[in-house]
Amino acid sequence: MSQNQGTFRIGTEEAAIMRIDEMGFTPDQKDFIFADWPEGIEHYSWLLTATRDEIVAWGEAGEWGREEKE
């Protein structure tokens, strides 16, 4: 590696954030996607491999975090 070529490394969370940003989710959807999930790194790893359709299906199953209003 030449002197001018640096290695750029990012973590799993940062990579997941970049990938989701590129997929065109709304701000509310991103809030749900990146909520404080207890699975932590497993959740971010899943976001790196899941298709957009899989993420949408997961979000819809959780109603994107919406609370029912009575």
N, C-alpha and C. Protein backbone atom coordinates (compact mmCIF):
# COMPACT_ATOMS: atom_id res chain seq x y z
N MET A 1 0.85 -1.17 0.00
CA MET A 1 0.00 0.00 0.00
C MET A 1 0.90 1.23 0.00
N SER A 2 0.60 2.16 -0.86
CA SER A 2 1.42 3.36 -0.93
C SER A 2 1.15 4.26 0.27
N GLN A 3 2.00 5.21 0.42
CA GLN A 3 1.91 6.14 1.54
C GLN A 3 0.60 6.93 1.51
N ASN A 4 0.07 7.18 0.33
CA ASN A 4 -1.15 7.99 0.20
C ASN A 4 -2.43 7.16 0.27
N GLN A 5 -2.30 5.85 0.28
CA GLN A 5 -3.49 5.00 0.33
C GLN A 5 -3.75 4.59 1.77
N GLY A 6 -4.79 5.14 2.35
CA GLY A 6 -5.16 4.77 3.71
C GLY A 6 -6.24 3.71 3.69
N THR A 7 -6.39 3.04 4.77
CA THR A 7 -7.45 2.07 4.91
C THR A 7 -8.61 2.75 5.60
N PHE A 8 -9.78 2.64 4.99
CA PHE A 8 -10.98 3.25 5.56
C PHE A 8 -11.85 2.12 6.07
N ARG A 9 -12.10 2.12 7.35
CA ARG A 9 -12.94 1.09 7.95
C ARG A 9 -14.06 1.75 8.72
N ILE A 10 -15.23 1.17 8.58
CA ILE A 10 -16.36 1.65 9.36
C ILE A 10 -16.94 0.45 10.10
N GLY A 11 -17.66 0.74 11.15
CA GLY A 11 -18.27 -0.32 11.94
C GLY A 11 -19.59 -0.77 11.33
N THR A 12 -20.11 -1.82 11.90
CA THR A 12 -21.37 -2.40 11.43
C THR A 12 -22.51 -1.40 11.52
N GLU A 13 -22.59 -0.68 12.63
CA GLU A 13 -23.68 0.30 12.79
C GLU A 13 -23.59 1.39 11.73
N GLU A 14 -22.41 1.92 11.50
CA GLU A 14 -22.24 2.98 10.50
C GLU A 14 -22.58 2.47 9.11
N ALA A 15 -22.14 1.24 8.80
CA ALA A 15 -22.43 0.65 7.49
C ALA A 15 -23.93 0.46 7.30
N ALA A 16 -24.61 0.03 8.36
CA ALA A 16 -26.06 -0.16 8.28
C ALA A 16 -26.77 1.17 8.05
N ILE A 17 -26.33 2.20 8.75
CA ILE A 17 -26.93 3.53 8.58
C ILE A 17 -26.76 4.01 7.14
N MET A 18 -25.57 3.84 6.60
CA MET A 18 -25.33 4.26 5.21
C MET A 18 -26.21 3.48 4.24
N ARG A 19 -26.34 2.18 4.46
CA ARG A 19 -27.14 1.35 3.57
C ARG A 19 -28.62 1.75 3.63
N ILE A 20 -29.14 1.94 4.83
CA ILE A 20 -30.55 2.33 4.98
C ILE A 20 -30.79 3.70 4.36
N ASP A 21 -29.86 4.63 4.53
CA ASP A 21 -29.99 5.95 3.90
C ASP A 21 -30.13 5.83 2.39
N GLU A 22 -29.39 4.90 1.80
CA GLU A 22 -29.43 4.72 0.35
C GLU A 22 -30.72 4.06 -0.13
N MET A 23 -31.45 3.41 0.77
CA MET A 23 -32.67 2.68 0.40
C MET A 23 -33.90 3.57 0.34
N GLY A 24 -33.82 4.81 0.79
CA GLY A 24 -34.92 5.74 0.63
C GLY A 24 -36.06 5.61 1.62
N PHE A 25 -35.77 5.19 2.84
CA PHE A 25 -36.80 5.14 3.87
C PHE A 25 -37.12 6.54 4.36
N THR A 26 -38.34 6.72 4.86
CA THR A 26 -38.74 8.02 5.41
C THR A 26 -38.06 8.23 6.77
N PRO A 27 -38.02 9.48 7.24
CA PRO A 27 -37.45 9.72 8.58
C PRO A 27 -38.14 8.91 9.68
N ASP A 28 -39.49 8.79 9.63
CA ASP A 28 -40.20 8.00 10.63
C ASP A 28 -39.83 6.52 10.55
N GLN A 29 -39.68 6.02 9.34
CA GLN A 29 -39.27 4.62 9.17
C GLN A 29 -37.86 4.41 9.71
N LYS A 30 -36.96 5.36 9.45
CA LYS A 30 -35.60 5.25 9.97
C LYS A 30 -35.58 5.29 11.49
N ASP A 31 -36.46 6.10 12.09
CA ASP A 31 -36.54 6.13 13.55
C ASP A 31 -36.88 4.75 14.09
N PHE A 32 -37.81 4.06 13.43
CA PHE A 32 -38.18 2.71 13.85
C PHE A 32 -37.04 1.73 13.60
N ILE A 33 -36.46 1.81 12.42
CA ILE A 33 -35.38 0.90 12.05
C ILE A 33 -34.22 0.99 13.03
N PHE A 34 -33.91 2.21 13.46
CA PHE A 34 -32.75 2.42 14.33
C PHE A 34 -33.12 2.67 15.79
N ALA A 35 -34.34 2.24 16.18
CA ALA A 35 -34.71 2.32 17.60
C ALA A 35 -33.72 1.47 18.39
N ASP A 36 -33.71 1.63 19.67
CA ASP A 36 -32.75 0.93 20.53
C ASP A 36 -33.17 -0.53 20.69
N TRP A 37 -32.84 -1.34 19.70
CA TRP A 37 -33.22 -2.75 19.71
C TRP A 37 -32.28 -3.53 20.62
N PRO A 38 -32.83 -4.44 21.44
CA PRO A 38 -31.99 -5.20 22.36
C PRO A 38 -31.01 -6.14 21.66
N GLU A 39 -31.26 -6.44 20.40
CA GLU A 39 -30.38 -7.34 19.65
C GLU A 39 -29.06 -6.67 19.28
N GLY A 40 -29.02 -5.35 19.34
CA GLY A 40 -27.78 -4.61 19.09
C GLY A 40 -27.12 -4.96 17.77
N ILE A 41 -25.90 -5.47 17.84
CA ILE A 41 -25.09 -5.74 16.65
C ILE A 41 -25.78 -6.72 15.70
N GLU A 42 -26.55 -7.66 16.24
CA GLU A 42 -27.28 -8.61 15.38
C GLU A 42 -28.28 -7.87 14.50
N HIS A 43 -28.93 -6.86 15.07
CA HIS A 43 -29.90 -6.07 14.30
C HIS A 43 -29.20 -5.33 13.17
N TYR A 44 -28.08 -4.69 13.47
CA TYR A 44 -27.34 -3.96 12.44
C TYR A 44 -26.81 -4.91 11.38
N SER A 45 -26.36 -6.08 11.78
CA SER A 45 -25.88 -7.08 10.81
C SER A 45 -27.01 -7.51 9.90
N TRP A 46 -28.21 -7.69 10.47
CA TRP A 46 -29.37 -8.05 9.65
C TRP A 46 -29.68 -6.95 8.65
N LEU A 47 -29.59 -5.69 9.09
CA LEU A 47 -29.85 -4.58 8.17
C LEU A 47 -28.87 -4.55 7.01
N LEU A 48 -27.70 -5.12 7.19
CA LEU A 48 -26.71 -5.16 6.11
C LEU A 48 -26.98 -6.27 5.11
N THR A 49 -27.80 -7.24 5.47
CA THR A 49 -28.04 -8.37 4.57
C THR A 49 -29.48 -8.46 4.08
N ALA A 50 -30.42 -7.88 4.82
CA ALA A 50 -31.83 -7.96 4.44
C ALA A 50 -32.10 -7.13 3.19
N THR A 51 -33.04 -7.61 2.40
CA THR A 51 -33.47 -6.82 1.23
C THR A 51 -34.37 -5.70 1.72
N ARG A 52 -34.60 -4.72 0.86
CA ARG A 52 -35.50 -3.63 1.22
C ARG A 52 -36.89 -4.19 1.51
N ASP A 53 -37.33 -5.16 0.69
CA ASP A 53 -38.65 -5.78 0.90
C ASP A 53 -38.73 -6.46 2.27
N GLU A 54 -37.67 -7.12 2.69
CA GLU A 54 -37.66 -7.77 4.00
C GLU A 54 -37.75 -6.74 5.13
N ILE A 55 -37.04 -5.64 4.97
CA ILE A 55 -37.06 -4.59 5.99
C ILE A 55 -38.44 -3.95 6.04
N VAL A 56 -39.04 -3.71 4.88
CA VAL A 56 -40.40 -3.14 4.83
C VAL A 56 -41.39 -4.10 5.49
N ALA A 57 -41.32 -5.39 5.19
CA ALA A 57 -42.23 -6.37 5.79
C ALA A 57 -42.07 -6.38 7.31
N TRP A 58 -40.85 -6.32 7.79
CA TRP A 58 -40.57 -6.28 9.23
C TRP A 58 -41.16 -5.00 9.84
N GLY A 59 -40.95 -3.87 9.17
CA GLY A 59 -41.48 -2.60 9.67
C GLY A 59 -42.99 -2.58 9.70
N GLU A 60 -43.60 -3.12 8.64
CA GLU A 60 -45.06 -3.16 8.58
C GLU A 60 -45.62 -4.09 9.66
N ALA A 61 -44.94 -5.20 9.93
CA ALA A 61 -45.38 -6.12 10.98
C ALA A 61 -45.37 -5.42 12.34
N GLY A 62 -44.44 -4.51 12.52
CA GLY A 62 -44.37 -3.72 13.76
C GLY A 62 -45.08 -2.40 13.65
N GLU A 63 -45.85 -2.24 12.56
CA GLU A 63 -46.59 -1.01 12.27
C GLU A 63 -45.71 0.23 12.37
N TRP A 64 -44.43 0.04 12.03
CA TRP A 64 -43.44 1.12 12.05
C TRP A 64 -43.44 1.86 13.39
N GLY A 65 -43.81 1.14 14.45
CA GLY A 65 -43.74 1.70 15.79
C GLY A 65 -44.90 2.60 16.17
N ARG A 66 -45.91 2.64 15.31
CA ARG A 66 -47.07 3.51 15.61
C ARG A 66 -47.84 2.95 16.80
N GLU A 67 -48.31 3.85 17.62
CA GLU A 67 -49.15 3.46 18.75
C GLU A 67 -50.59 3.72 18.38
N GLU A 68 -51.45 2.79 18.75
CA GLU A 68 -52.88 2.95 18.49
C GLU A 68 -53.42 4.10 19.34
N LYS A 69 -54.23 4.95 18.73
CA LYS A 69 -54.88 6.03 19.46
C LYS A 69 -56.31 5.62 19.76
N GLU A 70 -56.68 5.79 21.00
CA GLU A 70 -58.04 5.39 21.40
C GLU A 70 -59.01 6.53 21.27
